[in-house]
C-alpha atoms as a PDB file:
ATOM      1  CA  MET A   1     217.622  45.369  -0.680  1.00  0.00           C
ATOM      2  CA  SER A   2     219.762  44.071  -3.512  1.00  0.00           C
ATOM      3  CA  GLU A   3     223.345  43.364  -2.543  1.00  0.00           C
ATOM      4  CA  LEU A   4     224.342  45.512  -5.545  1.00  0.00           C
ATOM      5  CA  ALA A   5     222.317  48.526  -4.376  1.00  0.00           C
ATOM      6  CA  LYS A   6     224.174  51.280  -2.567  1.00  0.00           C
ATOM      7  CA  LEU A   7     223.543  51.239   1.168  1.00  0.00           C
ATOM      8  CA  PRO A   8     221.975  54.563   2.250  1.00  0.00           C
ATOM      9  CA  VAL A   9     223.536  56.515   5.108  1.00  0.00           C
ATOM     10  CA  THR A  10     221.923  59.412   6.942  1.00  0.00           C
ATOM     11  CA  VAL A  11     224.287  61.855   8.652  1.00  0.00           C
ATOM     12  CA  ILE A  12     222.748  63.424  11.762  1.00  0.00           C
ATOM     13  CA  THR A  13     224.525  66.602  12.750  1.00  0.00           C
ATOM     14  CA  GLY A  14     223.697  69.407  15.121  1.00  0.00           C
ATOM     15  CA  PHE A  15     225.070  71.670  17.750  1.00  0.00           C
ATOM     16  CA  LEU A  16     225.867  70.524  21.267  1.00  0.00           C
ATOM     17  CA  GLY A  17     222.811  69.234  23.107  1.00  0.00           C
ATOM     18  CA  SER A  18     220.462  69.716  20.175  1.00  0.00           C
ATOM     19  CA  GLY A  19     218.867  66.291  20.643  1.00  0.00           C
ATOM     20  CA  LYS A  20     220.730  64.010  18.211  1.00  0.00           C
ATOM     21  CA  THR A  21     220.823  60.985  20.530  1.00  0.00           C
ATOM     22  CA  THR A  22     217.141  61.430  21.373  1.00  0.00           C
ATOM     23  CA  LEU A  23     216.324  61.430  17.648  1.00  0.00           C
ATOM     24  CA  VAL A  24     218.420  58.328  16.936  1.00  0.00           C
ATOM     25  CA  ARG A  25     216.842  56.508  19.884  1.00  0.00           C
ATOM     26  CA  GLU A  26     213.370  57.352  18.545  1.00  0.00           C
ATOM     27  CA  LEU A  27     214.313  56.149  15.033  1.00  0.00           C
ATOM     28  CA  MET A  28     215.682  52.913  16.484  1.00  0.00           C
ATOM     29  CA  GLN A  29     212.381  52.242  18.210  1.00  0.00           C
ATOM     30  CA  ASN A  30     210.260  53.364  15.247  1.00  0.00           C
ATOM     31  CA  PRO A  31     212.349  52.565  12.154  1.00  0.00           C
ATOM     32  CA  GLY A  32     209.529  52.488   9.625  1.00  0.00           C
ATOM     33  CA  GLY A  33     210.173  48.862   8.753  1.00  0.00           C
ATOM     34  CA  LYS A  34     213.900  49.360   8.097  1.00  0.00           C
ATOM     35  CA  ARG A  35     216.684  47.385   9.735  1.00  0.00           C
ATOM     36  CA  LEU A  36     219.004  50.083  11.058  1.00  0.00           C
ATOM     37  CA  ALA A  37     222.635  50.291  12.072  1.00  0.00           C
ATOM     38  CA  VAL A  38     224.087  53.197  14.027  1.00  0.00           C
ATOM     39  CA  VAL A  39     227.534  54.808  14.267  1.00  0.00           C
ATOM     40  CA  VAL A  40     228.045  57.212  17.176  1.00  0.00           C
ATOM     41  CA  ASN A  41     231.023  59.594  17.091  1.00  0.00           C
ATOM     42  CA  GLU A  42     231.688  61.234  20.472  1.00  0.00           C
ATOM     43  CA  PHE A  43     233.967  64.106  21.467  1.00  0.00           C
ATOM     44  CA  GLY A  44     235.837  62.825  24.499  1.00  0.00           C
ATOM     45  CA  ASP A  45     236.405  59.281  25.670  1.00  0.00           C
ATOM     46  CA  VAL A  46     233.325  58.546  27.781  1.00  0.00           C
ATOM     47  CA  GLY A  47     230.848  56.550  25.730  1.00  0.00           C
ATOM     48  CA  VAL A  48     227.656  58.090  27.060  1.00  0.00           C
ATOM     49  CA  ASP A  49     225.670  58.294  23.819  1.00  0.00           C
ATOM     50  CA  GLY A  50     226.627  54.773  22.788  1.00  0.00           C
ATOM     51  CA  ASP A  51     225.542  53.433  26.162  1.00  0.00           C
ATOM     52  CA  ILE A  52     222.193  55.205  25.889  1.00  0.00           C
ATOM     53  CA  LEU A  53     221.512  53.786  22.432  1.00  0.00           C
ATOM     54  CA  LYS A  54     222.616  50.241  23.247  1.00  0.00           C
ATOM     55  CA  SER A  55     220.215  50.236  26.184  1.00  0.00           C
ATOM     56  CA  CYS A  56     217.413  50.893  23.638  1.00  0.00           C
ATOM     57  CA  ALA A  57     218.403  48.125  21.230  1.00  0.00           C
ATOM     58  CA  ILE A  58     215.522  46.194  19.625  1.00  0.00           C
ATOM     59  CA  PRO A  59     215.408  43.336  17.054  1.00  0.00           C
ATOM     60  CA  ASP A  60     215.401  45.781  14.107  1.00  0.00           C
ATOM     61  CA  CYS A  61     218.479  47.502  15.560  1.00  0.00           C
ATOM     62  CA  PRO A  62     220.271  45.060  17.898  1.00  0.00           C
ATOM     63  CA  ALA A  63     223.233  46.047  20.043  1.00  0.00           C
ATOM     64  CA  GLU A  64     225.733  44.589  17.564  1.00  0.00           C
ATOM     65  CA  ASN A  65     224.445  47.089  14.961  1.00  0.00           C
ATOM     66  CA  ILE A  66     225.490  50.012  17.169  1.00  0.00           C
ATOM     67  CA  MET A  67     229.135  51.032  16.904  1.00  0.00           C
ATOM     68  CA  GLU A  68     230.900  53.814  18.739  1.00  0.00           C
ATOM     69  CA  LEU A  69     233.943  55.834  17.692  1.00  0.00           C
ATOM     70  CA  ALA A  70     235.473  57.862  20.494  1.00  0.00           C
ATOM     71  CA  ASN A  71     239.029  58.219  19.146  1.00  0.00           C
ATOM     72  CA  GLY A  72     238.470  61.535  17.431  1.00  0.00           C
ATOM     73  CA  CYS A  73     236.457  62.953  14.562  1.00  0.00           C
ATOM     74  CA  ILE A  74     235.555  60.196  12.098  1.00  0.00           C
ATOM     75  CA  CYS A  75     236.417  62.386   9.121  1.00  0.00           C
ATOM     76  CA  CYS A  76     239.949  62.758  10.525  1.00  0.00           C
ATOM     77  CA  THR A  77     240.421  59.013  11.092  1.00  0.00           C
ATOM     78  CA  VAL A  78     238.962  57.673   7.846  1.00  0.00           C
ATOM     79  CA  ALA A  79     241.357  54.806   7.202  1.00  0.00           C
ATOM     80  CA  ASP A  80     241.860  53.780  10.826  1.00  0.00           C
ATOM     81  CA  ASP A  81     238.313  53.970  12.183  1.00  0.00           C
ATOM     82  CA  PHE A  82     235.604  55.086   9.780  1.00  0.00           C
ATOM     83  CA  ILE A  83     236.138  52.689   6.848  1.00  0.00           C
ATOM     84  CA  PRO A  84     236.577  49.558   9.016  1.00  0.00           C
ATOM     85  CA  THR A  85     233.434  50.455  10.969  1.00  0.00           C
ATOM     86  CA  ILE A  86     231.324  50.956   7.838  1.00  0.00           C
ATOM     87  CA  GLU A  87     232.666  47.737   6.331  1.00  0.00           C
ATOM     88  CA  ALA A  88     231.890  45.824   9.519  1.00  0.00           C
ATOM     89  CA  LEU A  89     228.301  47.072   9.461  1.00  0.00           C
ATOM     90  CA  MET A  90     227.923  46.180   5.771  1.00  0.00           C
ATOM     91  CA  ALA A  91     229.170  42.671   6.525  1.00  0.00           C
ATOM     92  CA  LEU A  92     226.471  42.012   9.125  1.00  0.00           C
ATOM     93  CA  ASP A  93     224.027  39.218   8.418  1.00  0.00           C
ATOM     94  CA  PRO A  94     221.338  40.282   7.868  1.00  0.00           C
ATOM     95  CA  ARG A  95     222.689  43.385   6.210  1.00  0.00           C
ATOM     96  CA  PRO A  96     221.270  46.703   7.508  1.00  0.00           C
ATOM     97  CA  ASP A  97     218.834  48.561   5.271  1.00  0.00           C
ATOM     98  CA  HIS A  98     220.069  51.972   6.448  1.00  0.00           C
ATOM     99  CA  ILE A  99     222.950  53.381   8.521  1.00  0.00           C
ATOM    100  CA  LEU A 100     222.582  56.379  10.821  1.00  0.00           C
ATOM    101  CA  ILE A 101     225.724  58.336  11.719  1.00  0.00           C
ATOM    102  CA  GLU A 102     225.400  60.567  14.777  1.00  0.00           C
ATOM    103  CA  THR A 103     228.270  63.048  14.616  1.00  0.00           C
ATOM    104  CA  SER A 104     229.815  64.795  17.572  1.00  0.00           C
ATOM    105  CA  GLY A 105     228.267  68.170  18.389  1.00  0.00           C
ATOM    106  CA  LEU A 106     231.492  69.854  17.302  1.00  0.00           C
ATOM    107  CA  ALA A 107     231.823  68.057  13.965  1.00  0.00           C
ATOM    108  CA  LEU A 108     231.837  69.806  10.625  1.00  0.00           C
ATOM    109  CA  PRO A 109     229.640  67.685   8.330  1.00  0.00           C
ATOM    110  CA  LYS A 110     231.195  68.524   4.957  1.00  0.00           C
ATOM    111  CA  PRO A 111     234.564  66.836   5.611  1.00  0.00           C
ATOM    112  CA  LEU A 112     232.598  63.757   6.653  1.00  0.00           C
ATOM    113  CA  LEU A 113     230.785  63.766   3.303  1.00  0.00           C
ATOM    114  CA  LYS A 114     234.182  63.859   1.607  1.00  0.00           C
ATOM    115  CA  ALA A 115     235.095  60.684   3.490  1.00  0.00           C
ATOM    116  CA  PHE A 116     232.409  58.880   1.504  1.00  0.00           C
ATOM    117  CA  ASP A 117     234.538  59.433  -1.590  1.00  0.00           C
ATOM    118  CA  TRP A 118     237.002  56.905  -0.189  1.00  0.00           C
ATOM    119  CA  PRO A 119     237.548  54.307  -2.964  1.00  0.00           C
ATOM    120  CA  ASP A 120     236.852  51.314  -0.731  1.00  0.00           C
ATOM    121  CA  ILE A 121     233.251  52.357  -0.064  1.00  0.00           C
ATOM    122  CA  ARG A 122     232.184  54.899  -2.684  1.00  0.00           C
ATOM    123  CA  SER A 123     230.644  52.291  -4.979  1.00  0.00           C
ATOM    124  CA  ARG A 124     228.739  50.671  -2.117  1.00  0.00           C
ATOM    125  CA  ILE A 125     227.504  53.600   0.025  1.00  0.00           C
ATOM    126  CA  THR A 126     225.470  56.738  -0.656  1.00  0.00           C
ATOM    127  CA  VAL A 127     224.656  59.625   1.675  1.00  0.00           C
ATOM    128  CA  ASP A 128     220.860  59.547   1.645  1.00  0.00           C
ATOM    129  CA  GLY A 129     220.724  62.913   3.383  1.00  0.00           C
ATOM    130  CA  VAL A 130     222.149  65.228   6.032  1.00  0.00           C
ATOM    131  CA  ILE A 131     219.819  66.071   8.916  1.00  0.00           C
ATOM    132  CA  ALA A 132     220.794  69.104  11.028  1.00  0.00           C
ATOM    133  CA  LEU A 133     219.247  69.510  14.459  1.00  0.00           C
ATOM    134  CA  ALA A 134     219.007  72.975  15.959  1.00  0.00           C
ATOM    135  CA  ASP A 135     217.906  73.772  19.516  1.00  0.00           C
ATOM    136  CA  ALA A 136     215.180  76.402  18.996  1.00  0.00           C
ATOM    137  CA  GLU A 137     215.774  78.155  22.304  1.00  0.00           C
ATOM    138  CA  ALA A 138     219.560  78.270  21.917  1.00  0.00           C
ATOM    139  CA  VAL A 139     219.433  79.457  18.305  1.00  0.00           C
ATOM    140  CA  ALA A 140     216.904  82.165  19.130  1.00  0.00           C
ATOM    141  CA  ALA A 141     219.138  83.330  21.974  1.00  0.00           C
ATOM    142  CA  GLY A 142     222.263  83.368  19.774  1.00  0.00           C
ATOM    143  CA  ARG A 143     224.166  81.008  22.056  1.00  0.00           C
ATOM    144  CA  PHE A 144     226.339  79.712  19.214  1.00  0.00           C
ATOM    145  CA  ALA A 145     228.225  83.022  19.619  1.00  0.00           C
ATOM    146  CA  PRO A 146     229.661  83.637  23.106  1.00  0.00           C
ATOM    147  CA  ASN A 147     228.756  87.352  23.132  1.00  0.00           C
ATOM    148  CA  VAL A 148     226.553  88.399  20.240  1.00  0.00           C
ATOM    149  CA  ALA A 149     226.272  92.045  21.356  1.00  0.00           C
ATOM    150  CA  ALA A 150     230.047  92.482  21.523  1.00  0.00           C
ATOM    151  CA  VAL A 151     230.496  90.829  18.140  1.00  0.00           C
ATOM    152  CA  ASP A 152     227.904  93.114  16.539  1.00  0.00           C
ATOM    153  CA  ALA A 153     229.512  96.177  18.118  1.00  0.00           C
ATOM    154  CA  GLN A 154     232.909  95.205  16.716  1.00  0.00           C
ATOM    155  CA  ARG A 155     231.457  94.612  13.273  1.00  0.00           C
ATOM    156  CA  LEU A 156     229.804  98.035  13.251  1.00  0.00           C
ATOM    157  CA  ALA A 157     233.009  99.716  14.425  1.00  0.00           C
ATOM    158  CA  ASP A 158     235.328  98.003  11.947  1.00  0.00           C
ATOM    159  CA  GLU A 159     234.090  95.902   9.031  1.00  0.00           C
ATOM    160  CA  SER A 160     237.568  94.425   8.556  1.00  0.00           C
ATOM    161  CA  ILE A 161     237.338  92.571  11.873  1.00  0.00           C
ATOM    162  CA  ASP A 162     236.485  88.899  11.543  1.00  0.00           C
ATOM    163  CA  HIS A 163     233.273  88.747  13.519  1.00  0.00           C
ATOM    164  CA  GLU A 164     232.831  84.995  13.184  1.00  0.00           C
ATOM    165  CA  THR A 165     233.393  82.819  16.232  1.00  0.00           C
ATOM    166  CA  PRO A 166     234.178  79.094  16.231  1.00  0.00           C
ATOM    167  CA  LEU A 167     230.706  78.272  17.546  1.00  0.00           C
ATOM    168  CA  SER A 168     228.893  80.266  14.899  1.00  0.00           C
ATOM    169  CA  GLU A 169     231.003  78.677  12.172  1.00  0.00           C
ATOM    170  CA  VAL A 170     230.094  75.192  13.378  1.00  0.00           C
ATOM    171  CA  PHE A 171     226.403  76.118  13.410  1.00  0.00           C
ATOM    172  CA  GLU A 172     226.514  77.731   9.964  1.00  0.00           C
ATOM    173  CA  ASP A 173     228.428  74.818   8.425  1.00  0.00           C
ATOM    174  CA  GLN A 174     225.907  72.337   9.798  1.00  0.00           C
ATOM    175  CA  ILE A 175     222.966  74.323   8.406  1.00  0.00           C
ATOM    176  CA  SER A 176     224.719  74.851   5.050  1.00  0.00           C
ATOM    177  CA  CYS A 177     225.314  71.133   4.636  1.00  0.00           C
ATOM    178  CA  ALA A 178     221.800  70.030   5.578  1.00  0.00           C
ATOM    179  CA  ASP A 179     218.950  68.682   3.478  1.00  0.00           C
ATOM    180  CA  ILE A 180     216.443  69.111   6.316  1.00  0.00           C
ATOM    181  CA  VAL A 181     216.637  71.047   9.603  1.00  0.00           C
ATOM    182  CA  LEU A 182     214.859  69.697  12.674  1.00  0.00           C
ATOM    183  CA  LEU A 183     214.071  72.477  15.157  1.00  0.00           C
ATOM    184  CA  THR A 184     214.127  70.790  18.547  1.00  0.00           C
ATOM    185  CA  LYS A 185     212.716  71.742  21.959  1.00  0.00           C
ATOM    186  CA  PRO A 186     210.133  74.153  20.483  1.00  0.00           C
ATOM    187  CA  ASP A 187     208.207  74.062  23.766  1.00  0.00           C
ATOM    188  CA  LEU A 188     211.123  75.696  25.599  1.00  0.00           C
ATOM    189  CA  ALA A 189     211.497  78.396  22.957  1.00  0.00           C
ATOM    190  CA  GLY A 190     207.817  79.311  22.689  1.00  0.00           C
ATOM    191  CA  PRO A 191     206.186  80.651  19.510  1.00  0.00           C
ATOM    192  CA  GLU A 192     208.316  83.821  19.402  1.00  0.00           C
ATOM    193  CA  GLY A 193     211.539  81.869  19.939  1.00  0.00           C
ATOM    194  CA  VAL A 194     210.622  79.350  17.251  1.00  0.00           C
ATOM    195  CA  ALA A 195     209.868  82.137  14.775  1.00  0.00           C
ATOM    196  CA  LYS A 196     213.166  83.839  15.569  1.00  0.00           C
ATOM    197  CA  ALA A 197     215.126  80.591  15.250  1.00  0.00           C
ATOM    198  CA  LYS A 198     213.516  79.875  11.866  1.00  0.00           C
ATOM    199  CA  ALA A 199     214.464  83.360  10.669  1.00  0.00           C
ATOM    200  CA  ILE A 200     218.091  82.853  11.759  1.00  0.00           C
ATOM    201  CA  ILE A 201     218.268  79.470  10.021  1.00  0.00           C
ATOM    202  CA  ALA A 202     216.749  80.903   6.828  1.00  0.00           C
ATOM    203  CA  ALA A 203     219.328  83.706   6.864  1.00  0.00           C
ATOM    204  CA  GLU A 204     222.225  81.253   7.270  1.00  0.00           C
ATOM    205  CA  ALA A 205     221.033  78.611   4.790  1.00  0.00           C
ATOM    206  CA  PRO A 206     222.570  78.826   1.283  1.00  0.00           C
ATOM    207  CA  ARG A 207     219.297  77.573  -0.236  1.00  0.00           C
ATOM    208  CA  PRO A 208     215.694  77.128   0.964  1.00  0.00           C
ATOM    209  CA  LEU A 209     215.545  74.295   3.490  1.00  0.00           C
ATOM    210  CA  PRO A 210     212.573  72.537   5.071  1.00  0.00           C
ATOM    211  CA  VAL A 211     212.495  73.292   8.811  1.00  0.00           C
ATOM    212  CA  ILE A 212     210.414  70.915  10.947  1.00  0.00           C
ATOM    213  CA  GLU A 213     209.606  71.383  14.627  1.00  0.00           C
ATOM    214  CA  VAL A 214     210.360  68.207  16.591  1.00  0.00           C
ATOM    215  CA  ALA A 215     209.764  67.527  20.291  1.00  0.00           C
ATOM    216  CA  GLU A 216     211.520  64.648  22.097  1.00  0.00           C
ATOM    217  CA  GLY A 217     212.895  63.304  18.809  1.00  0.00           C
ATOM    218  CA  VAL A 218     209.488  62.204  17.531  1.00  0.00           C
ATOM    219  CA  VAL A 219     209.359  62.460  13.733  1.00  0.00           C
ATOM    220  CA  ASP A 220     207.910  60.218  11.038  1.00  0.00           C
ATOM    221  CA  PRO A 221     210.909  58.265   9.641  1.00  0.00           C
ATOM    222  CA  ARG A 222     209.468  58.703   6.138  1.00  0.00           C
ATOM    223  CA  VAL A 223     210.209  62.430   6.449  1.00  0.00           C
ATOM    224  CA  ILE A 224     213.955  62.076   7.020  1.00  0.00           C
ATOM    225  CA  LEU A 225     214.909  58.624   5.667  1.00  0.00           C
ATOM    226  CA  GLY A 226     214.808  57.862   1.955  1.00  0.00           C
ATOM    227  CA  LEU A 227     215.677  61.387   0.761  1.00  0.00           C
ATOM    228  CA  GLU A 228     217.996  59.983  -1.942  1.00  0.00           C
ATOM    229  CA  ALA A 229     219.986  63.211  -1.841  1.00  0.00           C
ATOM    230  CA  ALA A 230     223.289  61.548  -2.887  1.00  0.00           C
ATOM    231  CA  ALA A 231     224.947  64.288  -0.859  1.00  0.00           C
ATOM    232  CA  GLU A 232     228.433  63.066  -1.750  1.00  0.00           C
ATOM    233  CA  ASP A 233     227.731  64.170  -5.345  1.00  0.00           C
ATOM    234  CA  ASP A 234     226.225  67.507  -4.296  1.00  0.00           C
ATOM    235  CA  MET A 235     229.153  69.133  -2.498  1.00  0.00           C
ATOM    236  CA  GLU A 236     229.130  72.438  -4.361  1.00  0.00           C
ATOM    237  CA  ALA A 237     225.631  73.215  -3.048  1.00  0.00           C
ATOM    238  CA  ARG A 238     226.897  72.807   0.530  1.00  0.00           C
ATOM    239  CA  PRO A 239     229.339  75.672   1.191  1.00  0.00           C
ATOM    240  CA  SER A 240     231.588  75.638   4.242  1.00  0.00           C
ATOM    241  CA  HIS A 241     233.782  78.158   6.025  1.00  0.00           C
ATOM    242  CA  HIS A 242     236.545  75.603   5.576  1.00  0.00           C
ATOM    243  CA  ASP A 243     236.290  75.140   1.815  1.00  0.00           C
ATOM    244  CA  GLY A 244     239.743  75.202   0.273  1.00  0.00           C
ATOM    245  CA  HIS A 245     241.403  73.803   3.396  1.00  0.00           C
ATOM    246  CA  HIS A 246     243.081  70.463   2.899  1.00  0.00           C
ATOM    247  CA  ASP A 247     242.218  69.428   6.416  1.00  0.00           C
ATOM    248  CA  HIS A 248     240.267  70.789   9.319  1.00  0.00           C
ATOM    249  CA  GLU A 249     241.337  71.257  12.864  1.00  0.00           C
ATOM    250  CA  HIS A 250     239.507  70.848  16.142  1.00  0.00           C
ATOM    251  CA  ASP A 251     241.902  73.133  17.991  1.00  0.00           C
ATOM    252  CA  ASP A 252     239.071  75.603  18.611  1.00  0.00           C
ATOM    253  CA  PHE A 253     237.608  73.136  21.101  1.00  0.00           C
ATOM    254  CA  ASP A 254     238.981  70.890  23.766  1.00  0.00           C
ATOM    255  CA  SER A 255     237.680  68.346  26.232  1.00  0.00           C
ATOM    256  CA  ILE A 256     238.888  66.876  29.490  1.00  0.00           C
ATOM    257  CA  THR A 257     237.691  63.876  31.450  1.00  0.00           C
ATOM    258  CA  VAL A 258     237.178  64.253  35.183  1.00  0.00           C
ATOM    259  CA  ASP A 259     236.660  61.363  37.590  1.00  0.00           C
ATOM    260  CA  ILE A 260     234.337  62.222  40.467  1.00  0.00           C
ATOM    261  CA  PRO A 261     233.746  60.223  43.653  1.00  0.00           C
ATOM    262  CA  GLU A 262     230.381  58.996  44.859  1.00  0.00           C
ATOM    263  CA  LEU A 263     227.901  61.822  45.489  1.00  0.00           C
ATOM    264  CA  ALA A 264     225.736  62.392  48.525  1.00  0.00           C
ATOM    265  CA  ASP A 265     223.193  64.411  46.532  1.00  0.00           C
ATOM    266  CA  PRO A 266     222.824  65.005  42.755  1.00  0.00           C
ATOM    267  CA  VAL A 267     221.892  68.638  43.453  1.00  0.00           C
ATOM    268  CA  GLN A 268     225.544  69.281  44.359  1.00  0.00           C
ATOM    269  CA  LEU A 269     226.649  68.120  40.911  1.00  0.00           C
ATOM    270  CA  VAL A 270     223.968  70.165  39.144  1.00  0.00           C
ATOM    271  CA  THR A 271     224.992  73.291  41.054  1.00  0.00           C
ATOM    272  CA  ALA A 272     228.683  72.759  40.267  1.00  0.00           C
ATOM    273  CA  ILE A 273     227.969  72.327  36.535  1.00  0.00           C
ATOM    274  CA  GLU A 274     225.754  75.421  36.464  1.00  0.00           C
ATOM    275  CA  THR A 275     228.534  77.416  38.121  1.00  0.00           C
ATOM    276  CA  LEU A 276     231.098  76.213  35.586  1.00  0.00           C
ATOM    277  CA  ALA A 277     228.815  77.088  32.673  1.00  0.00           C
ATOM    278  CA  ASN A 278     228.221  80.585  33.990  1.00  0.00           C
ATOM    279  CA  THR A 279     231.790  81.385  35.042  1.00  0.00           C
ATOM    280  CA  GLN A 280     233.988  79.368  32.653  1.00  0.00           C
ATOM    281  CA  ASN A 281     231.901  79.273  29.433  1.00  0.00           C
ATOM    282  CA  ILE A 282     231.666  75.485  29.564  1.00  0.00           C
ATOM    283  CA  LEU A 283     229.642  74.337  26.556  1.00  0.00           C
ATOM    284  CA  ARG A 284     228.806  70.755  27.359  1.00  0.00           C
ATOM    285  CA  VAL A 285     229.112  68.254  30.184  1.00  0.00           C
ATOM    286  CA  LYS A 286     228.112  64.630  29.832  1.00  0.00           C
ATOM    287  CA  GLY A 287     228.837  61.506  31.754  1.00  0.00           C
ATOM    288  CA  TYR A 288     227.634  59.610  34.777  1.00  0.00           C
ATOM    289  CA  ALA A 289     227.883  59.563  38.559  1.00  0.00           C
ATOM    290  CA  ALA A 290     227.306  57.274  41.522  1.00  0.00           C
ATOM    291  CA  VAL A 291     224.925  58.455  44.248  1.00  0.00           C
ATOM    292  CA  THR A 292     225.183  57.085  47.788  1.00  0.00           C
ATOM    293  CA  GLY A 293     222.407  54.624  48.549  1.00  0.00           C
ATOM    294  CA  LYS A 294     221.237  54.411  44.931  1.00  0.00           C
ATOM    295  CA  PRO A 295     221.731  51.147  42.998  1.00  0.00           C
ATOM    296  CA  MET A 296     221.229  52.921  39.646  1.00  0.00           C
ATOM    297  CA  ARG A 297     223.828  54.932  37.720  1.00  0.00           C
ATOM    298  CA  LEU A 298     223.041  58.645  37.335  1.00  0.00           C
ATOM    299  CA  LEU A 299     223.327  59.804  33.709  1.00  0.00           C
ATOM    300  CA  VAL A 300     224.200  63.512  33.363  1.00  0.00           C
ATOM    301  CA  GLN A 301     223.764  65.677  30.241  1.00  0.00           C
ATOM    302  CA  ALA A 302     224.301  69.445  30.313  1.00  0.00           C
ATOM    303  CA  VAL A 303     224.207  72.129  27.632  1.00  0.00           C
ATOM    304  CA  GLY A 304     225.551  75.313  29.154  1.00  0.00           C
ATOM    305  CA  ALA A 305     223.740  75.846  32.451  1.00  0.00           C
ATOM    306  CA  ARG A 306     220.840  73.582  31.463  1.00  0.00           C
ATOM    307  CA  VAL A 307     221.450  70.293  33.275  1.00  0.00           C
ATOM    308  CA  ARG A 308     219.404  67.125  32.854  1.00  0.00           C
ATOM    309  CA  HIS A 309     219.954  63.960  34.863  1.00  0.00           C
ATOM    310  CA  GLN A 310     218.253  60.606  35.221  1.00  0.00           C
ATOM    311  CA  TYR A 311     219.015  57.127  36.523  1.00  0.00           C
ATOM    312  CA  ASP A 312     219.649  55.009  33.449  1.00  0.00           C
ATOM    313  CA  ARG A 313     220.717  51.529  34.558  1.00  0.00           C
ATOM    314  CA  PRO A 314     221.876  49.514  37.590  1.00  0.00           C
ATOM    315  CA  TRP A 315     225.555  49.429  38.405  1.00  0.00           C
ATOM    316  CA  ALA A 316     226.990  46.068  37.368  1.00  0.00           C
ATOM    317  CA  PRO A 317     228.293  43.884  40.224  1.00  0.00           C
ATOM    318  CA  ASP A 318     231.864  44.126  38.922  1.00  0.00           C
ATOM    319  CA  GLU A 319     231.778  47.897  38.266  1.00  0.00           C
ATOM    320  CA  THR A 320     233.512  50.450  40.460  1.00  0.00           C
ATOM    321  CA  ARG A 321     230.990  53.050  41.615  1.00  0.00           C
ATOM    322  CA  GLN A 322     233.072  55.837  40.122  1.00  0.00           C
ATOM    323  CA  GLY A 323     231.638  58.833  38.281  1.00  0.00           C
ATOM    324  CA  ARG A 324     233.194  60.216  35.125  1.00  0.00           C
ATOM    325  CA  LEU A 325     232.371  63.396  33.216  1.00  0.00           C
ATOM    326  CA  VAL A 326     233.517  64.796  29.869  1.00  0.00           C
ATOM    327  CA  VAL A 327     233.717  68.606  29.915  1.00  0.00           C
ATOM    328  CA  ILE A 328     233.813  70.405  26.531  1.00  0.00           C
ATOM    329  CA  ALA A 329     234.578  74.070  25.913  1.00  0.00           C
ATOM    330  CA  GLU A 330     236.407  76.355  23.551  1.00  0.00           C
ATOM    331  CA  HIS A 331     240.117  75.726  23.814  1.00  0.00           C
ATOM    332  CA  ASP A 332     240.952  78.822  25.883  1.00  0.00           C
ATOM    333  CA  ASP A 333     238.215  78.066  28.419  1.00  0.00           C
ATOM    334  CA  ILE A 334     239.393  74.573  29.366  1.00  0.00           C
ATOM    335  CA  ARG A 335     241.209  74.995  32.671  1.00  0.00           C
ATOM    336  CA  ARG A 336     241.540  71.672  34.392  1.00  0.00           C
ATOM    337  CA  ASP A 337     242.485  73.169  37.745  1.00  0.00           C
ATOM    338  CA  VAL A 338     239.385  75.379  37.840  1.00  0.00           C
ATOM    339  CA  ILE A 339     237.073  72.618  36.630  1.00  0.00           C
ATOM    340  CA  GLU A 340     238.416  70.050  39.082  1.00  0.00           C
ATOM    341  CA  ALA A 341     238.222  72.613  41.893  1.00  0.00           C
ATOM    342  CA  ALA A 342     234.563  73.255  41.102  1.00  0.00           C
ATOM    343  CA  LEU A 343     233.788  69.550  40.995  1.00  0.00           C
ATOM    344  CA  GLY A 344     235.978  69.038  44.079  1.00  0.00           C
ATOM    345  CA  VAL A 345     233.246  70.682  46.133  1.00  0.00           C
ATOM    346  CA  ILE A 346     231.186  67.581  45.415  1.00  0.00           C
ATOM    347  CA  ALA A 347     233.942  65.314  46.634  1.00  0.00           C
ATOM    348  CA  GLN A 348     234.316  67.254  49.880  1.00  0.00           C
ATOM    349  CA  ALA A 349     230.566  67.273  50.466  1.00  0.00           C
ATOM    350  CA  ALA A 350     230.328  63.555  49.870  1.00  0.00           C
ATOM    351  CA  GLU A 351     233.039  62.662  52.367  1.00  0.00           C
END
């Protein structure tokens, strides 16, 4: 790549647990001949996604090409975090051929595109494309709205009522900003669920969008890299619920970090998370835990009541075997006392 050519950036957005990290990991391992760099923006201060990706580093995407921003939304911290990170990646030798930005699951992509208009980088960077991931099963079930039936009933009773919810707005903004939608976990949704999810996406999209079914993040990089969309120059075609706002807030959502002691059995943690999801509308839990008698760290990822866990790496000799979880929910559903009480059952059982 010529040093004068604009460096292409692909923004990877998607709702909570839609499979963004899995996709980035797959692209890192199968980059189609490109030397990649990765920026991971997390919601909360536990660097789970960054740890996962760094453990997958290869020569075409070494660990030093993977940078993590956990101090808030990158489009809200442009000068302090985003610009220095992009400049640091551009200064690498050899220079990356392509940058992937994995946004937080709660991020609105359009304000991030506006960040690329920053004078320091506009002449050197272009947004090659925006890839939105959508969990087929969750979309088909309408989980981006807490209670779809109640919302529909209110809309029918009074058209003046704002029937949008924060979750649906995030989903719609991500779809509206996308160049391609990847429909993930199609096996869990089944043919009927996939068809329903595609219909919902088509109804929300402001223009016809390609929708591709993807399992376990496996997709030909030629399909999603090299789109040359120049998305930063195509803002009008990407409507947002927040157009006209000078800034955007994340007050609709909140996160807390909970330290948990060593576990006797991972099943206790899974049960506690499932209970929280079903009783407290917890959207996302991610982090890690220590299990008695196990030398490996237990990585935990939950979307609602769907909990996945695996041992990802050995505990380092100088590490404290202390678990830590980030819990994300809508602002009114974050109750630290209730969450800690639920996870406290684990502590009592482990003692």
